[in-house]
């Protein structure tokens, strides 16, 4: 019985490992704050970044150098139609 319980626990732990190993997302836009040497790369859109960094915050937005767009999906081949 103890062996079965241990095997079950190990199996459950192994199933959870890939979820724990996922990396944090890399966002496209960074807010840079002048005079404070603070850079926050946490924005999906330029407008989100501008809303945070612009105005009285004294910052500006730039593209994250670590961001790489997802590769485009390969086009699917067209299905052949049978002529009857």
PDB file of N, CA and C in Angstrom:
ATOM      1  N   UNK A   1       0.824  -1.189   0.000  1.00  0.00           N
ATOM      2  CA  UNK A   1       0.000   0.000   0.000  1.00  0.00           C
ATOM      3  C   UNK A   1       0.872   1.258   0.000  1.00  0.00           C
ATOM      4  N   UNK A   2       1.922   1.232   0.782  1.00  0.00           N
ATOM      5  CA  UNK A   2       2.818   2.375   0.858  1.00  0.00           C
ATOM      6  C   UNK A   2       3.494   2.619  -0.492  1.00  0.00           C
ATOM      7  N   UNK A   3       3.851   1.565  -1.183  1.00  0.00           N
ATOM      8  CA  UNK A   3       4.484   1.691  -2.499  1.00  0.00           C
ATOM      9  C   UNK A   3       3.530   2.337  -3.500  1.00  0.00           C
ATOM     10  N   UNK A   4       2.283   1.937  -3.479  1.00  0.00           N
ATOM     11  CA  UNK A   4       1.287   2.512  -4.389  1.00  0.00           C
ATOM     12  C   UNK A   4       1.117   4.003  -4.098  1.00  0.00           C
ATOM     13  N   UNK A   5       1.057   4.358  -2.826  1.00  0.00           N
ATOM     14  CA  UNK A   5       0.906   5.760  -2.452  1.00  0.00           C
ATOM     15  C   UNK A   5       2.105   6.585  -2.919  1.00  0.00           C
ATOM     16  N   UNK A   6       3.309   6.067  -2.746  1.00  0.00           N
ATOM     17  CA  UNK A   6       4.520   6.770  -3.180  1.00  0.00           C
ATOM     18  C   UNK A   6       4.544   6.936  -4.703  1.00  0.00           C
ATOM     19  N   UNK A   7       4.178   5.901  -5.424  1.00  0.00           N
ATOM     20  CA  UNK A   7       4.154   5.982  -6.883  1.00  0.00           C
ATOM     21  C   UNK A   7       3.122   7.006  -7.352  1.00  0.00           C
ATOM     22  N   UNK A   8       1.983   7.053  -6.699  1.00  0.00           N
ATOM     23  CA  UNK A   8       0.944   8.016  -7.036  1.00  0.00           C
ATOM     24  C   UNK A   8       1.436   9.439  -6.769  1.00  0.00           C
ATOM     25  N   UNK A   9       2.089   9.651  -5.641  1.00  0.00           N
ATOM     26  CA  UNK A   9       2.601  10.979  -5.300  1.00  0.00           C
ATOM     27  C   UNK A   9       3.675  11.421  -6.297  1.00  0.00           C
ATOM     28  N   UNK A  10       4.556  10.523  -6.680  1.00  0.00           N
ATOM     29  CA  UNK A  10       5.603  10.849  -7.653  1.00  0.00           C
ATOM     30  C   UNK A  10       4.995  11.164  -9.011  1.00  0.00           C
ATOM     31  N   UNK A  11       3.994  10.406  -9.401  1.00  0.00           N
ATOM     32  CA  UNK A  11       3.328  10.659 -10.684  1.00  0.00           C
ATOM     33  C   UNK A  11       2.655  12.025 -10.702  1.00  0.00           C
ATOM     34  N   UNK A  12       2.001  12.383  -9.616  1.00  0.00           N
ATOM     35  CA  UNK A  12       1.339  13.692  -9.543  1.00  0.00           C
ATOM     36  C   UNK A  12       2.358  14.820  -9.576  1.00  0.00           C
ATOM     37  N   UNK A  13       3.469  14.658  -8.891  1.00  0.00           N
ATOM     38  CA  UNK A  13       4.518  15.669  -8.891  1.00  0.00           C
ATOM     39  C   UNK A  13       5.115  15.822 -10.284  1.00  0.00           C
ATOM     40  N   UNK A  14       5.359  14.730 -10.972  1.00  0.00           N
ATOM     41  CA  UNK A  14       5.918  14.778 -12.321  1.00  0.00           C
ATOM     42  C   UNK A  14       4.959  15.459 -13.293  1.00  0.00           C
ATOM     43  N   UNK A  15       3.673  15.291 -13.091  1.00  0.00           N
ATOM     44  CA  UNK A  15       2.680  15.924 -13.964  1.00  0.00           C
ATOM     45  C   UNK A  15       2.635  17.436 -13.740  1.00  0.00           C
ATOM     46  N   UNK A  16       2.974  17.895 -12.554  1.00  0.00           N
ATOM     47  CA  UNK A  16       2.920  19.326 -12.251  1.00  0.00           C
ATOM     48  C   UNK A  16       4.197  20.057 -12.634  1.00  0.00           C
ATOM     49  N   UNK A  17       5.303  19.387 -12.844  1.00  0.00           N
ATOM     50  CA  UNK A  17       6.579  20.034 -13.130  1.00  0.00           C
ATOM     51  C   UNK A  17       6.558  20.914 -14.375  1.00  0.00           C
ATOM     52  N   UNK A  18       5.990  20.511 -15.506  1.00  0.00           N
ATOM     53  CA  UNK A  18       6.002  21.403 -16.670  1.00  0.00           C
ATOM     54  C   UNK A  18       5.292  22.730 -16.397  1.00  0.00           C
ATOM     55  N   UNK A  19       4.250  22.734 -15.627  1.00  0.00           N
ATOM     56  CA  UNK A  19       3.541  23.969 -15.304  1.00  0.00           C
ATOM     57  C   UNK A  19       4.415  24.880 -14.437  1.00  0.00           C
ATOM     58  N   UNK A  20       5.220  24.316 -13.571  1.00  0.00           N
ATOM     59  CA  UNK A  20       6.088  25.109 -12.722  1.00  0.00           C
ATOM     60  C   UNK A  20       7.261  25.695 -13.492  1.00  0.00           C
ATOM     61  N   UNK A  21       7.665  25.063 -14.573  1.00  0.00           N
ATOM     62  CA  UNK A  21       8.842  25.478 -15.327  1.00  0.00           C
ATOM     63  C   UNK A  21       8.545  26.546 -16.366  1.00  0.00           C
ATOM     64  N   UNK A  22       7.287  26.937 -16.555  1.00  0.00           N
ATOM     65  CA  UNK A  22       6.963  27.942 -17.556  1.00  0.00           C
ATOM     66  C   UNK A  22       7.595  29.275 -17.186  1.00  0.00           C
ATOM     67  N   UNK A  23       8.131  29.956 -18.196  1.00  0.00           N
ATOM     68  CA  UNK A  23       8.776  31.243 -17.973  1.00  0.00           C
ATOM     69  C   UNK A  23       7.743  32.362 -17.938  1.00  0.00           C
ATOM     70  N   UNK A  24       8.111  33.439 -17.315  1.00  0.00           N
ATOM     71  CA  UNK A  24       7.244  34.618 -17.285  1.00  0.00           C
ATOM     72  C   UNK A  24       7.137  35.189 -18.693  1.00  0.00           C
ATOM     73  N   UNK A  25       6.012  35.792 -19.027  1.00  0.00           N
ATOM     74  CA  UNK A  25       5.861  36.342 -20.373  1.00  0.00           C
ATOM     75  C   UNK A  25       6.793  37.528 -20.599  1.00  0.00           C
ATOM     76  N   UNK A  26       7.209  37.719 -21.841  1.00  0.00           N
ATOM     77  CA  UNK A  26       8.022  38.865 -22.228  1.00  0.00           C
ATOM     78  C   UNK A  26       7.103  39.842 -22.940  1.00  0.00           C
ATOM     79  N   UNK A  27       6.969  41.031 -22.387  1.00  0.00           N
ATOM     80  CA  UNK A  27       6.072  42.023 -22.950  1.00  0.00           C
ATOM     81  C   UNK A  27       6.803  42.898 -23.962  1.00  0.00           C
ATOM     82  N   UNK A  28       6.049  43.450 -24.916  1.00  0.00           N
ATOM     83  CA  UNK A  28       6.644  44.181 -26.030  1.00  0.00           C
ATOM     84  C   UNK A  28       7.123  45.580 -25.649  1.00  0.00           C
ATOM     85  N   UNK A  29       6.448  46.258 -24.744  1.00  0.00           N
ATOM     86  CA  UNK A  29       6.750  47.662 -24.470  1.00  0.00           C
ATOM     87  C   UNK A  29       7.272  47.875 -23.054  1.00  0.00           C
ATOM     88  N   UNK A  30       8.228  48.815 -22.939  1.00  0.00           N
ATOM     89  CA  UNK A  30       8.848  49.152 -21.655  1.00  0.00           C
ATOM     90  C   UNK A  30       8.641  50.628 -21.352  1.00  0.00           C
ATOM     91  N   UNK A  31       8.349  50.941 -20.093  1.00  0.00           N
ATOM     92  CA  UNK A  31       8.281  52.319 -19.620  1.00  0.00           C
ATOM     93  C   UNK A  31       9.623  52.663 -19.000  1.00  0.00           C
ATOM     94  N   UNK A  32      10.227  53.732 -19.477  1.00  0.00           N
ATOM     95  CA  UNK A  32      11.526  54.196 -18.994  1.00  0.00           C
ATOM     96  C   UNK A  32      11.311  55.514 -18.263  1.00  0.00           C
ATOM     97  N   UNK A  33      11.833  55.637 -17.063  1.00  0.00           N
ATOM     98  CA  UNK A  33      11.656  56.847 -16.272  1.00  0.00           C
ATOM     99  C   UNK A  33      12.993  57.567 -16.162  1.00  0.00           C
ATOM    100  N   UNK A  34      13.040  58.781 -16.670  1.00  0.00           N
ATOM    101  CA  UNK A  34      14.272  59.569 -16.694  1.00  0.00           C
ATOM    102  C   UNK A  34      14.682  59.988 -15.292  1.00  0.00           C
ATOM    103  N   UNK A  35      15.983  59.931 -15.040  1.00  0.00           N
ATOM    104  CA  UNK A  35      16.519  60.368 -13.763  1.00  0.00           C
ATOM    105  C   UNK A  35      16.376  59.352 -12.641  1.00  0.00           C
ATOM    106  N   UNK A  36      15.642  58.273 -12.885  1.00  0.00           N
ATOM    107  CA  UNK A  36      15.453  57.264 -11.833  1.00  0.00           C
ATOM    108  C   UNK A  36      16.047  55.914 -12.211  1.00  0.00           C
ATOM    109  N   UNK A  37      16.503  55.782 -13.432  1.00  0.00           N
ATOM    110  CA  UNK A  37      17.071  54.521 -13.918  1.00  0.00           C
ATOM    111  C   UNK A  37      16.138  53.341 -13.669  1.00  0.00           C
ATOM    112  N   UNK A  38      14.849  53.561 -13.930  1.00  0.00           N
ATOM    113  CA  UNK A  38      13.846  52.519 -13.745  1.00  0.00           C
ATOM    114  C   UNK A  38      13.253  52.174 -15.097  1.00  0.00           C
ATOM    115  N   UNK A  39      13.236  50.890 -15.415  1.00  0.00           N
ATOM    116  CA  UNK A  39      12.625  50.400 -16.650  1.00  0.00           C
ATOM    117  C   UNK A  39      11.647  49.301 -16.261  1.00  0.00           C
ATOM    118  N   UNK A  40      10.401  49.447 -16.719  1.00  0.00           N
ATOM    119  CA  UNK A  40       9.372  48.453 -16.432  1.00  0.00           C
ATOM    120  C   UNK A  40       8.829  47.917 -17.743  1.00  0.00           C
ATOM    121  N   UNK A  41       9.134  46.679 -18.054  1.00  0.00           N
ATOM    122  CA  UNK A  41       8.671  46.044 -19.294  1.00  0.00           C
ATOM    123  C   UNK A  41       7.473  45.156 -18.959  1.00  0.00           C
ATOM    124  N   UNK A  42       6.291  45.773 -18.935  1.00  0.00           N
ATOM    125  CA  UNK A  42       5.098  45.031 -18.514  1.00  0.00           C
ATOM    126  C   UNK A  42       3.866  45.428 -19.310  1.00  0.00           C
ATOM    127  N   UNK A  43       4.060  45.823 -20.580  1.00  0.00           N
ATOM    128  CA  UNK A  43       2.937  46.343 -21.351  1.00  0.00           C
ATOM    129  C   UNK A  43       2.830  45.647 -22.705  1.00  0.00           C
ATOM    130  N   UNK A  44       1.607  45.229 -23.038  1.00  0.00           N
ATOM    131  CA  UNK A  44       1.353  44.580 -24.322  1.00  0.00           C
ATOM    132  C   UNK A  44       1.228  45.581 -25.456  1.00  0.00           C
ATOM    133  N   UNK A  45       0.685  46.751 -25.166  1.00  0.00           N
ATOM    134  CA  UNK A  45       0.468  47.748 -26.216  1.00  0.00           C
ATOM    135  C   UNK A  45       1.208  49.033 -25.867  1.00  0.00           C
ATOM    136  N   UNK A  46       1.496  49.806 -26.922  1.00  0.00           N
ATOM    137  CA  UNK A  46       2.154  51.088 -26.727  1.00  0.00           C
ATOM    138  C   UNK A  46       1.265  52.017 -25.907  1.00  0.00           C
ATOM    139  N   UNK A  47      -0.039  51.966 -26.129  1.00  0.00           N
ATOM    140  CA  UNK A  47      -0.960  52.836 -25.403  1.00  0.00           C
ATOM    141  C   UNK A  47      -0.967  52.531 -23.912  1.00  0.00           C
ATOM    142  N   UNK A  48      -0.908  51.258 -23.532  1.00  0.00           N
ATOM    143  CA  UNK A  48      -0.829  50.898 -22.112  1.00  0.00           C
ATOM    144  C   UNK A  48       0.416  51.508 -21.484  1.00  0.00           C
ATOM    145  N   UNK A  49       1.523  51.415 -22.189  1.00  0.00           N
ATOM    146  CA  UNK A  49       2.781  51.959 -21.689  1.00  0.00           C
ATOM    147  C   UNK A  49       2.694  53.474 -21.572  1.00  0.00           C
ATOM    148  N   UNK A  50       2.160  54.113 -22.610  1.00  0.00           N
ATOM    149  CA  UNK A  50       2.061  55.566 -22.620  1.00  0.00           C
ATOM    150  C   UNK A  50       1.152  56.080 -21.511  1.00  0.00           C
ATOM    151  N   UNK A  51       0.068  55.368 -21.246  1.00  0.00           N
ATOM    152  CA  UNK A  51      -0.838  55.762 -20.167  1.00  0.00           C
ATOM    153  C   UNK A  51      -0.135  55.723 -18.815  1.00  0.00           C
ATOM    154  N   UNK A  52       0.814  54.825 -18.654  1.00  0.00           N
ATOM    155  CA  UNK A  52       1.531  54.690 -17.386  1.00  0.00           C
ATOM    156  C   UNK A  52       2.719  55.648 -17.293  1.00  0.00           C
ATOM    157  N   UNK A  53       3.529  55.687 -18.334  1.00  0.00           N
ATOM    158  CA  UNK A  53       4.774  56.459 -18.285  1.00  0.00           C
ATOM    159  C   UNK A  53       4.592  57.924 -18.640  1.00  0.00           C
ATOM    160  N   UNK A  54       3.606  58.226 -19.474  1.00  0.00           N
ATOM    161  CA  UNK A  54       3.424  59.597 -19.935  1.00  0.00           C
ATOM    162  C   UNK A  54       2.837  60.495 -18.856  1.00  0.00           C
ATOM    163  N   UNK A  55       2.546  61.717 -19.270  1.00  0.00           N
ATOM    164  CA  UNK A  55       1.942  62.662 -18.329  1.00  0.00           C
ATOM    165  C   UNK A  55       2.941  63.146 -17.308  1.00  0.00           C
ATOM    166  N   UNK A  56       2.531  63.203 -16.060  1.00  0.00           N
ATOM    167  CA  UNK A  56       3.374  63.717 -14.991  1.00  0.00           C
ATOM    168  C   UNK A  56       4.413  62.746 -14.481  1.00  0.00           C
ATOM    169  N   UNK A  57       4.409  61.502 -14.978  1.00  0.00           N
ATOM    170  CA  UNK A  57       5.372  60.509 -14.479  1.00  0.00           C
ATOM    171  C   UNK A  57       6.776  60.771 -15.011  1.00  0.00           C
ATOM    172  N   UNK A  58       6.891  61.536 -16.084  1.00  0.00           N
ATOM    173  CA  UNK A  58       8.213  61.868 -16.616  1.00  0.00           C
ATOM    174  C   UNK A  58       8.906  60.714 -17.304  1.00  0.00           C
ATOM    175  N   UNK A  59       8.147  59.842 -17.926  1.00  0.00           N
ATOM    176  CA  UNK A  59       8.751  58.704 -18.588  1.00  0.00           C
ATOM    177  C   UNK A  59       8.443  58.673 -20.062  1.00  0.00           C
ATOM    178  N   UNK A  60       9.031  57.698 -20.736  1.00  0.00           N
ATOM    179  CA  UNK A  60       8.772  57.482 -22.147  1.00  0.00           C
ATOM    180  C   UNK A  60       8.738  55.980 -22.400  1.00  0.00           C
ATOM    181  N   UNK A  61       8.215  55.585 -23.548  1.00  0.00           N
ATOM    182  CA  UNK A  61       8.072  54.169 -23.879  1.00  0.00           C
ATOM    183  C   UNK A  61       9.032  53.771 -24.985  1.00  0.00           C
ATOM    184  N   UNK A  62       9.525  52.554 -24.897  1.00  0.00           N
ATOM    185  CA  UNK A  62      10.385  51.995 -25.939  1.00  0.00           C
ATOM    186  C   UNK A  62      10.077  50.509 -26.082  1.00  0.00           C
ATOM    187  N   UNK A  63      10.441  49.974 -27.236  1.00  0.00           N
ATOM    188  CA  UNK A  63      10.200  48.558 -27.471  1.00  0.00           C
ATOM    189  C   UNK A  63      11.204  47.731 -26.669  1.00  0.00           C
ATOM    190  N   UNK A  64      10.728  46.649 -26.085  1.00  0.00           N
ATOM    191  CA  UNK A  64      11.556  45.755 -25.280  1.00  0.00           C
ATOM    192  C   UNK A  64      12.537  45.031 -26.186  1.00  0.00           C
ATOM    193  N   UNK A  65      13.844  45.173 -25.965  1.00  0.00           N
ATOM    194  CA  UNK A  65      14.821  44.482 -26.822  1.00  0.00           C
ATOM    195  C   UNK A  65      14.775  42.960 -26.677  1.00  0.00           C
ATOM    196  N   UNK A  66      14.210  42.456 -25.596  1.00  0.00           N
ATOM    197  CA  UNK A  66      14.123  41.003 -25.386  1.00  0.00           C
ATOM    198  C   UNK A  66      12.878  40.402 -26.009  1.00  0.00           C
ATOM    199  N   UNK A  67      11.970  41.245 -26.510  1.00  0.00           N
ATOM    200  CA  UNK A  67      10.712  40.750 -27.079  1.00  0.00           C
ATOM    201  C   UNK A  67      10.933  40.270 -28.498  1.00  0.00           C
ATOM    202  N   UNK A  68      10.403  39.084 -28.807  1.00  0.00           N
ATOM    203  CA  UNK A  68      10.436  38.526 -30.158  1.00  0.00           C
ATOM    204  C   UNK A  68       9.026  38.072 -30.495  1.00  0.00           C
ATOM    205  N   UNK A  69       8.514  38.494 -31.660  1.00  0.00           N
ATOM    206  CA  UNK A  69       7.156  38.074 -32.017  1.00  0.00           C
ATOM    207  C   UNK A  69       7.073  36.565 -32.184  1.00  0.00           C
ATOM    208  N   UNK A  70       5.901  36.041 -31.930  1.00  0.00           N
ATOM    209  CA  UNK A  70       5.692  34.605 -32.115  1.00  0.00           C
ATOM    210  C   UNK A  70       5.806  34.279 -33.596  1.00  0.00           C
ATOM    211  N   UNK A  71       6.389  33.145 -33.930  1.00  0.00           N
ATOM    212  CA  UNK A  71       6.501  32.792 -35.351  1.00  0.00           C
ATOM    213  C   UNK A  71       5.125  32.590 -35.964  1.00  0.00           C
ATOM    214  N   UNK A  72       5.008  33.016 -37.196  1.00  0.00           N
ATOM    215  CA  UNK A  72       3.733  32.870 -37.904  1.00  0.00           C
ATOM    216  C   UNK A  72       3.455  31.393 -38.163  1.00  0.00           C
ATOM    217  N   UNK A  73       2.196  31.042 -38.060  1.00  0.00           N
ATOM    218  CA  UNK A  73       1.810  29.656 -38.314  1.00  0.00           C
ATOM    219  C   UNK A  73       1.959  29.351 -39.802  1.00  0.00           C
ATOM    220  N   UNK A  74       2.387  28.160 -40.098  1.00  0.00           N
ATOM    221  CA  UNK A  74       2.536  27.752 -41.492  1.00  0.00           C
ATOM    222  C   UNK A  74       1.157  27.651 -42.135  1.00  0.00           C
ATOM    223  N   UNK A  75       1.028  28.103 -43.380  1.00  0.00           N
ATOM    224  CA  UNK A  75      -0.283  28.004 -44.027  1.00  0.00           C
ATOM    225  C   UNK A  75      -0.679  26.555 -44.241  1.00  0.00           C
ATOM    226  N   UNK A  76      -1.962  26.305 -44.045  1.00  0.00           N
ATOM    227  CA  UNK A  76      -2.451  24.939 -44.233  1.00  0.00           C
ATOM    228  C   UNK A  76      -2.673  24.694 -45.717  1.00  0.00           C
ATOM    229  N   UNK A  77      -2.324  23.514 -46.190  1.00  0.00           N
ATOM    230  CA  UNK A  77      -2.562  23.222 -47.603  1.00  0.00           C
ATOM    231  C   UNK A  77      -4.064  23.135 -47.875  1.00  0.00           C
ATOM    232  N   UNK A  78      -4.441  23.595 -49.059  1.00  0.00           N
ATOM    233  CA  UNK A  78      -5.855  23.538 -49.424  1.00  0.00           C
ATOM    234  C   UNK A  78      -6.268  22.098 -49.668  1.00  0.00           C
ATOM    235  N   UNK A  79      -7.469  21.789 -49.257  1.00  0.00           N
ATOM    236  CA  UNK A  79      -7.983  20.438 -49.451  1.00  0.00           C
ATOM    237  C   UNK A  79      -8.297  20.229 -50.930  1.00  0.00           C
ATOM    238  N   UNK A  80      -7.967  19.073 -51.406  1.00  0.00           N
ATOM    239  CA  UNK A  80      -8.277  18.749 -52.808  1.00  0.00           C
ATOM    240  C   UNK A  80      -9.746  18.412 -52.928  1.00  0.00           C
ATOM    241  N   UNK A  81     -10.348  18.944 -53.964  1.00  0.00           N
ATOM    242  CA  UNK A  81     -11.763  18.662 -54.202  1.00  0.00           C
ATOM    243  C   UNK A  81     -11.870  17.623 -55.304  1.00  0.00           C
ATOM    244  N   UNK A  82     -12.735  16.669 -55.066  1.00  0.00           N
ATOM    245  CA  UNK A  82     -12.964  15.632 -56.059  1.00  0.00           C
ATOM    246  C   UNK A  82     -13.949  16.151 -57.090  1.00  0.00           C
ATOM    247  N   UNK A  83     -13.619  15.976 -58.355  1.00  0.00           N
ATOM    248  CA  UNK A  83     -14.540  16.349 -59.415  1.00  0.00           C
ATOM    249  C   UNK A  83     -15.336  15.126 -59.813  1.00  0.00           C
ATOM    250  N   UNK A  84     -16.617  15.200 -59.668  1.00  0.00           N
ATOM    251  CA  UNK A  84     -17.480  14.062 -60.022  1.00  0.00           C
ATOM    252  C   UNK A  84     -18.250  14.353 -61.241  1.00  0.00           C
TER     253      UNK A  84
END
